[in-house]
N, C-alpha and C. Protein backbone atom coordinates (compact mmCIF):
# COMPACT_ATOMS: atom_id res chain seq x y z
N THR A 1 0.84 -1.19 0.00
CA THR A 1 0.00 0.00 0.00
C THR A 1 0.87 1.24 0.00
N ASP A 2 0.30 2.34 -0.42
CA ASP A 2 1.02 3.61 -0.40
C ASP A 2 1.26 4.07 1.03
N ASP A 3 2.33 4.85 1.21
CA ASP A 3 2.62 5.42 2.52
C ASP A 3 1.65 6.56 2.81
N ASP A 4 1.18 6.64 4.04
CA ASP A 4 0.34 7.75 4.48
C ASP A 4 1.20 8.71 5.26
N GLN A 5 1.26 9.97 4.81
CA GLN A 5 2.03 10.96 5.55
C GLN A 5 1.26 11.31 6.82
N ILE A 6 1.95 11.24 7.95
CA ILE A 6 1.33 11.53 9.23
C ILE A 6 1.42 13.02 9.54
N GLY A 7 2.55 13.64 9.26
CA GLY A 7 2.70 15.06 9.53
C GLY A 7 4.12 15.50 9.39
N VAL A 8 4.39 16.74 9.83
CA VAL A 8 5.72 17.33 9.75
C VAL A 8 6.08 17.96 11.09
N ALA A 9 7.37 17.99 11.36
CA ALA A 9 7.90 18.70 12.53
C ALA A 9 9.02 19.58 11.99
N VAL A 10 8.92 20.87 12.20
CA VAL A 10 9.86 21.82 11.62
C VAL A 10 10.66 22.48 12.73
N ALA A 11 11.98 22.55 12.50
CA ALA A 11 12.86 23.25 13.45
C ALA A 11 13.96 23.94 12.66
N PRO A 12 14.44 25.08 13.13
CA PRO A 12 15.57 25.72 12.45
C PRO A 12 16.80 24.82 12.57
N LEU A 13 17.62 24.82 11.54
CA LEU A 13 18.83 24.01 11.57
C LEU A 13 19.86 24.74 12.42
N ASP A 14 19.97 24.29 13.64
CA ASP A 14 20.88 24.88 14.61
C ASP A 14 21.21 23.79 15.62
N GLU A 15 22.30 23.95 16.33
CA GLU A 15 22.64 22.96 17.34
C GLU A 15 21.55 22.95 18.40
N MET A 16 21.11 21.74 18.77
CA MET A 16 20.11 21.63 19.83
C MET A 16 20.29 20.31 20.56
N ASP A 17 20.10 20.40 21.88
CA ASP A 17 20.06 19.20 22.69
C ASP A 17 18.74 18.51 22.41
N LYS A 18 18.58 17.33 22.95
CA LYS A 18 17.36 16.56 22.74
C LYS A 18 16.14 17.43 23.06
N LYS A 19 15.25 17.53 22.08
CA LYS A 19 14.11 18.44 22.19
C LYS A 19 12.88 17.77 21.56
N ALA A 20 11.72 17.95 22.17
CA ALA A 20 10.47 17.41 21.62
C ALA A 20 9.86 18.44 20.67
N LEU A 21 9.63 18.02 19.43
CA LEU A 21 8.98 18.88 18.44
C LEU A 21 7.56 18.39 18.20
N GLN A 22 6.61 19.31 18.15
CA GLN A 22 5.23 18.93 17.86
C GLN A 22 5.09 18.60 16.38
N VAL A 23 4.32 17.57 16.09
CA VAL A 23 4.04 17.18 14.72
C VAL A 23 2.71 17.81 14.32
N THR A 24 2.69 18.43 13.14
CA THR A 24 1.47 19.06 12.64
C THR A 24 1.24 18.60 11.20
N SER A 25 0.05 18.86 10.71
CA SER A 25 -0.21 18.65 9.29
C SER A 25 0.49 19.78 8.54
N TRP A 26 0.56 19.66 7.20
CA TRP A 26 1.16 20.74 6.41
C TRP A 26 0.39 22.04 6.60
N GLU A 27 -0.89 21.94 6.93
CA GLU A 27 -1.70 23.15 7.14
C GLU A 27 -1.52 23.73 8.54
N GLY A 28 -0.79 23.03 9.41
CA GLY A 28 -0.52 23.55 10.75
C GLY A 28 -1.39 22.98 11.85
N ALA A 29 -2.33 22.08 11.53
CA ALA A 29 -3.19 21.49 12.56
C ALA A 29 -2.40 20.45 13.36
N PRO A 30 -2.59 20.41 14.67
CA PRO A 30 -1.88 19.42 15.49
C PRO A 30 -2.25 18.00 15.07
N VAL A 31 -1.26 17.11 15.13
CA VAL A 31 -1.50 15.69 14.87
C VAL A 31 -1.48 15.00 16.23
N SER A 32 -2.42 14.08 16.45
CA SER A 32 -2.46 13.37 17.72
C SER A 32 -3.01 11.97 17.51
N ARG A 33 -2.77 11.13 18.50
CA ARG A 33 -3.34 9.78 18.51
C ARG A 33 -4.48 9.78 19.52
N LEU A 34 -5.59 9.23 19.12
CA LEU A 34 -6.78 9.20 19.98
C LEU A 34 -6.41 8.68 21.36
N LEU A 35 -6.77 9.42 22.37
CA LEU A 35 -6.55 9.10 23.78
C LEU A 35 -5.09 9.12 24.22
N SER A 36 -4.17 9.50 23.34
CA SER A 36 -2.74 9.51 23.71
C SER A 36 -2.13 10.90 23.69
N GLY A 37 -2.81 11.86 23.09
CA GLY A 37 -2.29 13.22 23.08
C GLY A 37 -1.54 13.59 21.81
N GLN A 38 -0.88 14.74 21.86
CA GLN A 38 -0.16 15.34 20.74
C GLN A 38 0.99 14.44 20.28
N THR A 39 1.14 14.30 18.98
CA THR A 39 2.24 13.54 18.40
C THR A 39 3.50 14.40 18.44
N THR A 40 4.61 13.81 18.93
CA THR A 40 5.87 14.54 19.02
C THR A 40 7.02 13.69 18.49
N LEU A 41 8.07 14.36 18.05
CA LEU A 41 9.35 13.74 17.71
C LEU A 41 10.40 14.31 18.63
N SER A 42 11.20 13.45 19.21
CA SER A 42 12.30 13.90 20.06
C SER A 42 13.57 13.85 19.21
N VAL A 43 14.20 15.02 19.00
CA VAL A 43 15.36 15.12 18.11
C VAL A 43 16.48 15.94 18.74
N SER A 44 17.69 15.75 18.22
CA SER A 44 18.82 16.59 18.57
C SER A 44 19.63 16.82 17.29
N ALA A 45 20.44 17.88 17.29
CA ALA A 45 21.26 18.20 16.11
C ALA A 45 22.59 18.78 16.56
N ALA A 46 23.64 18.44 15.82
CA ALA A 46 24.97 18.95 16.12
C ALA A 46 25.77 19.10 14.83
N ARG A 47 26.63 20.12 14.81
CA ARG A 47 27.52 20.30 13.66
C ARG A 47 28.53 19.16 13.63
N LEU A 48 28.89 18.75 12.42
CA LEU A 48 29.91 17.72 12.23
C LEU A 48 31.17 18.38 11.69
N GLU A 49 32.27 18.12 12.32
CA GLU A 49 33.56 18.59 11.83
C GLU A 49 34.11 17.53 10.89
N LEU A 50 34.48 17.92 9.70
CA LEU A 50 35.01 17.00 8.72
C LEU A 50 36.51 17.22 8.57
N PRO A 51 37.23 16.18 8.14
CA PRO A 51 38.68 16.33 7.97
C PRO A 51 39.01 17.42 6.96
N ALA A 52 40.15 18.04 7.11
CA ALA A 52 40.56 19.13 6.22
C ALA A 52 40.66 18.68 4.77
N VAL A 53 40.91 17.40 4.54
CA VAL A 53 41.05 16.89 3.18
C VAL A 53 39.68 16.60 2.53
N ALA A 54 38.61 16.72 3.29
CA ALA A 54 37.27 16.45 2.75
C ALA A 54 36.87 17.54 1.77
N ARG A 55 36.10 17.18 0.77
CA ARG A 55 35.61 18.17 -0.19
C ARG A 55 34.58 19.09 0.44
N LEU A 56 33.83 18.59 1.40
CA LEU A 56 32.85 19.42 2.10
C LEU A 56 33.50 20.14 3.26
N GLN A 57 32.97 21.29 3.62
CA GLN A 57 33.55 22.06 4.72
C GLN A 57 32.94 21.71 6.06
N GLY A 58 31.79 21.07 6.07
CA GLY A 58 31.15 20.69 7.32
C GLY A 58 29.84 20.01 7.04
N GLY A 59 29.18 19.59 8.09
CA GLY A 59 27.91 18.91 7.93
C GLY A 59 27.11 18.96 9.22
N TRP A 60 26.00 18.27 9.23
CA TRP A 60 25.11 18.22 10.39
C TRP A 60 24.78 16.78 10.70
N GLY A 61 24.72 16.47 11.97
CA GLY A 61 24.22 15.18 12.43
C GLY A 61 22.90 15.42 13.13
N VAL A 62 21.85 14.81 12.63
CA VAL A 62 20.52 14.93 13.24
C VAL A 62 20.11 13.55 13.73
N THR A 63 19.74 13.46 15.00
CA THR A 63 19.30 12.19 15.58
C THR A 63 17.84 12.29 15.96
N VAL A 64 17.05 11.35 15.49
CA VAL A 64 15.65 11.23 15.91
C VAL A 64 15.65 10.16 17.00
N HIS A 65 15.38 10.58 18.25
CA HIS A 65 15.47 9.68 19.39
C HIS A 65 14.22 8.83 19.54
N LYS A 66 13.07 9.44 19.38
CA LYS A 66 11.82 8.67 19.50
C LYS A 66 10.65 9.50 19.00
N ALA A 67 9.56 8.81 18.77
CA ALA A 67 8.29 9.45 18.43
C ALA A 67 7.28 9.02 19.49
N ALA A 68 6.36 9.90 19.80
CA ALA A 68 5.34 9.59 20.81
C ALA A 68 3.95 9.90 20.26
N SER A 69 2.99 9.08 20.64
CA SER A 69 1.58 9.26 20.28
C SER A 69 1.37 9.31 18.77
N VAL A 70 2.03 8.40 18.06
CA VAL A 70 1.91 8.36 16.60
C VAL A 70 0.58 7.68 16.24
N PRO A 71 -0.26 8.34 15.42
CA PRO A 71 -1.55 7.73 15.05
C PRO A 71 -1.35 6.46 14.23
N ARG A 72 -2.26 5.52 14.40
CA ARG A 72 -2.23 4.30 13.59
C ARG A 72 -2.74 4.62 12.19
N LYS A 73 -2.03 4.13 11.21
CA LYS A 73 -2.46 4.29 9.81
C LYS A 73 -2.70 2.93 9.16
N ASP A 74 -2.29 1.86 9.82
CA ASP A 74 -2.48 0.51 9.30
C ASP A 74 -3.56 -0.19 10.12
N LEU A 75 -4.51 -0.79 9.46
CA LEU A 75 -5.56 -1.53 10.15
C LEU A 75 -5.00 -2.83 10.72
N GLY A 76 -5.30 -3.11 11.96
CA GLY A 76 -4.92 -4.38 12.55
C GLY A 76 -3.48 -4.51 13.00
N SER A 77 -2.69 -3.43 12.96
CA SER A 77 -1.31 -3.52 13.43
C SER A 77 -0.86 -2.16 13.95
N GLU A 78 0.26 -2.19 14.67
CA GLU A 78 0.83 -0.94 15.13
C GLU A 78 1.34 -0.14 13.93
N THR A 79 1.52 1.13 14.12
CA THR A 79 2.05 1.99 13.06
C THR A 79 3.47 1.57 12.72
N ASP A 80 3.77 1.47 11.44
CA ASP A 80 5.14 1.18 10.99
C ASP A 80 5.72 2.43 10.33
N ALA A 81 5.57 3.54 11.03
CA ALA A 81 5.98 4.85 10.51
C ALA A 81 7.50 4.93 10.38
N TYR A 82 7.94 5.83 9.50
CA TYR A 82 9.35 6.14 9.36
C TYR A 82 9.50 7.65 9.32
N VAL A 83 10.72 8.11 9.54
CA VAL A 83 11.01 9.55 9.58
C VAL A 83 11.90 9.90 8.39
N GLU A 84 11.59 11.01 7.76
CA GLU A 84 12.40 11.54 6.69
C GLU A 84 12.92 12.90 7.15
N VAL A 85 14.24 13.07 7.17
CA VAL A 85 14.85 14.33 7.62
C VAL A 85 15.30 15.09 6.39
N MET A 86 14.90 16.37 6.32
CA MET A 86 15.30 17.23 5.20
C MET A 86 15.79 18.56 5.73
N ALA A 87 16.77 19.11 5.08
CA ALA A 87 17.23 20.47 5.36
C ALA A 87 16.76 21.33 4.20
N LEU A 88 15.95 22.32 4.49
CA LEU A 88 15.37 23.16 3.45
C LEU A 88 15.80 24.61 3.64
N ALA A 89 15.86 25.33 2.56
CA ALA A 89 16.17 26.76 2.61
C ALA A 89 15.02 27.50 3.28
N ASP A 90 15.28 28.74 3.69
CA ASP A 90 14.26 29.55 4.34
C ASP A 90 13.01 29.69 3.48
N GLU A 91 13.17 29.63 2.16
CA GLU A 91 12.02 29.76 1.27
C GLU A 91 11.00 28.65 1.53
N ALA A 92 11.47 27.47 1.92
CA ALA A 92 10.55 26.36 2.19
C ALA A 92 9.63 26.69 3.36
N ARG A 93 10.18 27.37 4.36
CA ARG A 93 9.35 27.75 5.51
C ARG A 93 8.27 28.73 5.07
N ALA A 94 8.60 29.63 4.15
CA ALA A 94 7.62 30.59 3.64
C ALA A 94 6.50 29.86 2.90
N VAL A 95 6.85 28.80 2.17
CA VAL A 95 5.83 28.02 1.49
C VAL A 95 4.92 27.36 2.51
N GLN A 96 5.51 26.78 3.55
CA GLN A 96 4.68 26.13 4.57
C GLN A 96 3.77 27.14 5.26
N GLU A 97 4.30 28.32 5.58
CA GLU A 97 3.49 29.37 6.20
C GLU A 97 2.35 29.78 5.27
N GLY A 98 2.63 29.84 3.97
CA GLY A 98 1.61 30.19 2.99
C GLY A 98 0.48 29.19 2.94
N LEU A 99 0.78 27.91 3.20
CA LEU A 99 -0.26 26.88 3.20
C LEU A 99 -1.24 27.07 4.35
N LYS A 100 -0.79 27.70 5.43
CA LYS A 100 -1.65 27.93 6.59
C LYS A 100 -2.62 29.07 6.35
N THR A 101 -2.32 29.94 5.38
CA THR A 101 -3.15 31.11 5.13
C THR A 101 -4.33 30.74 4.25
N PRO A 102 -5.57 31.06 4.68
CA PRO A 102 -6.73 30.69 3.86
C PRO A 102 -6.78 31.46 2.54
C-alpha cells in the first residue's frame, strides 16, 4: 500500500540538545493519537567537523530519538511509521506558512 504521511515537525537548523517537536499537518493542525495526546518527535542536532582533506567544509548530524503518540495508519497492526529528515532553505518555511493562510 502507499505510505500515508502523518505530519511534519519543523525546526531551524541549529545545534540543539534533545528536544520534543510537535508534529502538525502541512496546514498547521496538530497531529495526535486518539486518547494519547499530541504527536511529538524527540530530536537533537549537532555540527559535524570534517577532515581538512574532505571536499565538504562541514555537515550536520541529526538524531531522531523517538516518536510519541503516533496515530495508527495501518488496520490491525501498530504503526510502521518512518522519519524523513530534510534540510530546506528559508524559502521552504515561507511556502509552509503560505499553506496555513486561507
